[in-house]
Amino acid sequence: MASVRDKVKEIKPQVLGLSALLTTTMPEMKRVIEELDAQGLRKSVKVMVGGAPVDRTFAEKIGADGYGANAAEAVELARRFSGV
């Protein structure tokens, strides 16, 4: 987790995308969001999630800012978040 926190501090991205391929990795998405919040970084970065086992309900439950059902949706969402 420290590497995500450190990279967000270093790069200062507008958007952070998280993807899960297996249900066993989905809890890590919530942990990343919680860690960003604990470090005071959550307000400065929009977090979007996606991946095969992820859905909009899960994204809302963990406090993500958005969900992309596929790559095209994720790109459009990232563009909206970054104002492009």
N, C-alpha and C. Protein backbone atom coordinates (compact mmCIF):
# COMPACT_ATOMS: atom_id res chain seq x y z
N MET A 1 0.82 -1.20 0.00
CA MET A 1 0.00 0.00 0.00
C MET A 1 0.86 1.25 0.00
N ALA A 2 1.99 1.20 0.66
CA ALA A 2 2.84 2.39 0.72
C ALA A 2 3.24 2.85 -0.68
N SER A 3 3.40 1.94 -1.62
CA SER A 3 3.81 2.34 -2.96
C SER A 3 2.73 3.16 -3.66
N VAL A 4 1.46 2.82 -3.48
CA VAL A 4 0.38 3.62 -4.08
C VAL A 4 0.37 5.01 -3.46
N ARG A 5 0.44 5.06 -2.15
CA ARG A 5 0.46 6.35 -1.45
C ARG A 5 1.64 7.19 -1.91
N ASP A 6 2.82 6.57 -1.97
CA ASP A 6 4.02 7.30 -2.37
C ASP A 6 3.92 7.80 -3.81
N LYS A 7 3.39 6.98 -4.70
CA LYS A 7 3.26 7.39 -6.10
C LYS A 7 2.25 8.52 -6.25
N VAL A 8 1.16 8.46 -5.52
CA VAL A 8 0.18 9.54 -5.58
C VAL A 8 0.80 10.84 -5.07
N LYS A 9 1.57 10.76 -4.01
CA LYS A 9 2.28 11.95 -3.51
C LYS A 9 3.27 12.47 -4.53
N GLU A 10 3.99 11.57 -5.17
CA GLU A 10 5.03 11.95 -6.12
C GLU A 10 4.45 12.51 -7.42
N ILE A 11 3.51 11.80 -8.01
CA ILE A 11 3.00 12.16 -9.33
C ILE A 11 1.87 13.19 -9.27
N LYS A 12 1.11 13.16 -8.18
CA LYS A 12 -0.05 14.04 -8.01
C LYS A 12 -1.04 13.92 -9.18
N PRO A 13 -1.52 12.69 -9.44
CA PRO A 13 -2.45 12.50 -10.55
C PRO A 13 -3.82 13.09 -10.25
N GLN A 14 -4.55 13.44 -11.28
CA GLN A 14 -5.93 13.88 -11.12
C GLN A 14 -6.84 12.68 -10.94
N VAL A 15 -6.46 11.56 -11.57
CA VAL A 15 -7.29 10.35 -11.58
C VAL A 15 -6.41 9.14 -11.27
N LEU A 16 -6.94 8.25 -10.43
CA LEU A 16 -6.29 6.98 -10.13
C LEU A 16 -7.24 5.86 -10.53
N GLY A 17 -6.82 5.00 -11.44
CA GLY A 17 -7.64 3.88 -11.87
C GLY A 17 -7.19 2.60 -11.20
N LEU A 18 -8.16 1.86 -10.67
CA LEU A 18 -7.89 0.57 -10.02
C LEU A 18 -8.71 -0.50 -10.72
N SER A 19 -8.09 -1.62 -11.02
CA SER A 19 -8.77 -2.71 -11.71
C SER A 19 -8.54 -4.02 -10.98
N ALA A 20 -9.59 -4.83 -10.92
CA ALA A 20 -9.49 -6.15 -10.30
C ALA A 20 -9.86 -7.20 -11.32
N LEU A 21 -9.09 -8.26 -11.37
CA LEU A 21 -9.40 -9.38 -12.25
C LEU A 21 -10.06 -10.53 -11.49
N LEU A 22 -9.85 -10.58 -10.19
CA LEU A 22 -10.41 -11.64 -9.35
C LEU A 22 -11.14 -11.02 -8.16
N THR A 23 -12.16 -11.69 -7.67
CA THR A 23 -12.88 -11.17 -6.50
C THR A 23 -11.97 -11.06 -5.28
N THR A 24 -10.95 -11.89 -5.22
CA THR A 24 -10.05 -11.86 -4.06
C THR A 24 -9.22 -10.58 -3.98
N THR A 25 -9.10 -9.86 -5.10
CA THR A 25 -8.32 -8.61 -5.08
C THR A 25 -9.19 -7.38 -4.86
N MET A 26 -10.49 -7.53 -4.91
CA MET A 26 -11.39 -6.38 -4.75
C MET A 26 -11.24 -5.66 -3.41
N PRO A 27 -11.04 -6.35 -2.29
CA PRO A 27 -10.88 -5.63 -1.03
C PRO A 27 -9.70 -4.66 -1.02
N GLU A 28 -8.69 -4.94 -1.84
CA GLU A 28 -7.54 -4.02 -1.91
C GLU A 28 -7.95 -2.64 -2.44
N MET A 29 -8.94 -2.60 -3.29
CA MET A 29 -9.42 -1.31 -3.80
C MET A 29 -9.92 -0.44 -2.65
N LYS A 30 -10.68 -1.05 -1.78
CA LYS A 30 -11.19 -0.31 -0.61
C LYS A 30 -10.02 0.13 0.27
N ARG A 31 -9.04 -0.73 0.45
CA ARG A 31 -7.89 -0.39 1.29
C ARG A 31 -7.11 0.79 0.70
N VAL A 32 -6.98 0.82 -0.62
CA VAL A 32 -6.29 1.94 -1.27
C VAL A 32 -7.03 3.24 -1.01
N ILE A 33 -8.35 3.22 -1.17
CA ILE A 33 -9.15 4.43 -0.93
C ILE A 33 -9.04 4.86 0.53
N GLU A 34 -9.11 3.92 1.44
CA GLU A 34 -8.97 4.24 2.87
C GLU A 34 -7.60 4.82 3.18
N GLU A 35 -6.55 4.27 2.57
CA GLU A 35 -5.19 4.78 2.80
C GLU A 35 -5.03 6.19 2.25
N LEU A 36 -5.57 6.43 1.07
CA LEU A 36 -5.51 7.79 0.51
C LEU A 36 -6.23 8.77 1.42
N ASP A 37 -7.36 8.36 1.95
CA ASP A 37 -8.11 9.21 2.87
C ASP A 37 -7.31 9.46 4.15
N ALA A 38 -6.73 8.42 4.70
CA ALA A 38 -5.96 8.54 5.94
C ALA A 38 -4.75 9.46 5.78
N GLN A 39 -4.19 9.50 4.59
CA GLN A 39 -3.01 10.32 4.32
C GLN A 39 -3.37 11.73 3.84
N GLY A 40 -4.67 12.02 3.79
CA GLY A 40 -5.10 13.35 3.35
C GLY A 40 -4.97 13.57 1.85
N LEU A 41 -4.87 12.49 1.09
CA LEU A 41 -4.68 12.59 -0.36
C LEU A 41 -5.98 12.41 -1.14
N ARG A 42 -7.01 11.95 -0.49
CA ARG A 42 -8.25 11.58 -1.17
C ARG A 42 -8.92 12.77 -1.87
N LYS A 43 -8.82 13.93 -1.30
CA LYS A 43 -9.47 15.11 -1.88
C LYS A 43 -8.81 15.57 -3.17
N SER A 44 -7.57 15.16 -3.38
CA SER A 44 -6.83 15.65 -4.54
C SER A 44 -6.84 14.70 -5.73
N VAL A 45 -7.43 13.51 -5.58
CA VAL A 45 -7.41 12.54 -6.67
C VAL A 45 -8.77 11.83 -6.77
N LYS A 46 -9.27 11.72 -7.98
CA LYS A 46 -10.49 10.97 -8.23
C LYS A 46 -10.10 9.51 -8.42
N VAL A 47 -10.84 8.61 -7.78
CA VAL A 47 -10.56 7.18 -7.88
C VAL A 47 -11.67 6.50 -8.66
N MET A 48 -11.27 5.84 -9.75
CA MET A 48 -12.23 5.08 -10.53
C MET A 48 -11.83 3.61 -10.51
N VAL A 49 -12.83 2.73 -10.52
CA VAL A 49 -12.56 1.31 -10.44
C VAL A 49 -13.25 0.57 -11.58
N GLY A 50 -12.76 -0.62 -11.85
CA GLY A 50 -13.35 -1.48 -12.87
C GLY A 50 -12.72 -2.85 -12.82
N GLY A 51 -13.04 -3.66 -13.80
CA GLY A 51 -12.54 -5.02 -13.86
C GLY A 51 -13.69 -6.00 -13.87
N ALA A 52 -13.39 -7.20 -14.27
CA ALA A 52 -14.41 -8.22 -14.48
C ALA A 52 -15.35 -8.44 -13.29
N PRO A 53 -14.86 -8.55 -12.05
CA PRO A 53 -15.78 -8.83 -10.95
C PRO A 53 -16.41 -7.58 -10.31
N VAL A 54 -16.05 -6.41 -10.79
CA VAL A 54 -16.48 -5.15 -10.16
C VAL A 54 -17.74 -4.64 -10.85
N ASP A 55 -18.63 -4.03 -10.04
CA ASP A 55 -19.80 -3.38 -10.62
C ASP A 55 -20.02 -2.03 -9.93
N ARG A 56 -20.99 -1.28 -10.44
CA ARG A 56 -21.26 0.06 -9.92
C ARG A 56 -21.61 0.05 -8.43
N THR A 57 -22.36 -0.94 -8.00
CA THR A 57 -22.74 -1.05 -6.59
C THR A 57 -21.51 -1.18 -5.71
N PHE A 58 -20.57 -2.03 -6.12
CA PHE A 58 -19.33 -2.20 -5.36
C PHE A 58 -18.55 -0.88 -5.32
N ALA A 59 -18.46 -0.21 -6.46
CA ALA A 59 -17.73 1.07 -6.53
C ALA A 59 -18.31 2.07 -5.54
N GLU A 60 -19.63 2.17 -5.49
CA GLU A 60 -20.28 3.08 -4.55
C GLU A 60 -20.02 2.66 -3.11
N LYS A 61 -20.09 1.36 -2.85
CA LYS A 61 -19.91 0.83 -1.50
C LYS A 61 -18.53 1.16 -0.93
N ILE A 62 -17.49 1.13 -1.78
CA ILE A 62 -16.14 1.38 -1.27
C ILE A 62 -15.75 2.85 -1.34
N GLY A 63 -16.63 3.68 -1.87
CA GLY A 63 -16.35 5.12 -1.91
C GLY A 63 -15.56 5.59 -3.12
N ALA A 64 -15.56 4.79 -4.19
CA ALA A 64 -14.90 5.23 -5.42
C ALA A 64 -15.69 6.37 -6.04
N ASP A 65 -15.02 7.20 -6.82
CA ASP A 65 -15.69 8.31 -7.48
C ASP A 65 -16.40 7.88 -8.76
N GLY A 66 -16.01 6.74 -9.30
CA GLY A 66 -16.63 6.28 -10.52
C GLY A 66 -16.29 4.85 -10.85
N TYR A 67 -17.03 4.33 -11.83
CA TYR A 67 -16.90 2.95 -12.26
C TYR A 67 -16.96 2.90 -13.78
N GLY A 68 -16.08 2.12 -14.37
CA GLY A 68 -16.11 1.88 -15.80
C GLY A 68 -16.33 0.41 -16.07
N ALA A 69 -17.39 0.10 -16.82
CA ALA A 69 -17.71 -1.30 -17.11
C ALA A 69 -16.75 -1.90 -18.14
N ASN A 70 -16.09 -1.02 -18.90
CA ASN A 70 -15.14 -1.48 -19.92
C ASN A 70 -14.12 -0.38 -20.16
N ALA A 71 -13.16 -0.65 -21.02
CA ALA A 71 -12.08 0.31 -21.25
C ALA A 71 -12.60 1.63 -21.82
N ALA A 72 -13.55 1.57 -22.73
CA ALA A 72 -14.08 2.79 -23.34
C ALA A 72 -14.77 3.67 -22.29
N GLU A 73 -15.56 3.06 -21.42
CA GLU A 73 -16.21 3.82 -20.35
C GLU A 73 -15.18 4.41 -19.40
N ALA A 74 -14.14 3.66 -19.10
CA ALA A 74 -13.10 4.14 -18.19
C ALA A 74 -12.39 5.35 -18.78
N VAL A 75 -12.11 5.32 -20.07
CA VAL A 75 -11.45 6.46 -20.71
C VAL A 75 -12.35 7.68 -20.66
N GLU A 76 -13.62 7.51 -20.98
CA GLU A 76 -14.57 8.63 -20.95
C GLU A 76 -14.68 9.21 -19.54
N LEU A 77 -14.75 8.34 -18.55
CA LEU A 77 -14.83 8.79 -17.16
C LEU A 77 -13.57 9.55 -16.76
N ALA A 78 -12.43 9.04 -17.12
CA ALA A 78 -11.16 9.72 -16.80
C ALA A 78 -11.12 11.10 -17.46
N ARG A 79 -11.59 11.19 -18.68
CA ARG A 79 -11.62 12.48 -19.37
C ARG A 79 -12.53 13.46 -18.66
N ARG A 80 -13.69 12.99 -18.21
CA ARG A 80 -14.59 13.88 -17.47
C ARG A 80 -13.96 14.34 -16.16
N PHE A 81 -13.30 13.43 -15.47
CA PHE A 81 -12.65 13.78 -14.21
C PHE A 81 -11.54 14.81 -14.41
N SER A 82 -10.80 14.67 -15.49
CA SER A 82 -9.66 15.55 -15.70
C SER A 82 -10.00 16.79 -16.52
N GLY A 83 -11.24 16.88 -16.96
CA GLY A 83 -11.66 18.07 -17.70
C GLY A 83 -11.19 18.11 -19.14
N VAL A 84 -10.83 16.96 -19.69
CA VAL A 84 -10.34 16.90 -21.07
C VAL A 84 -11.49 16.67 -22.02
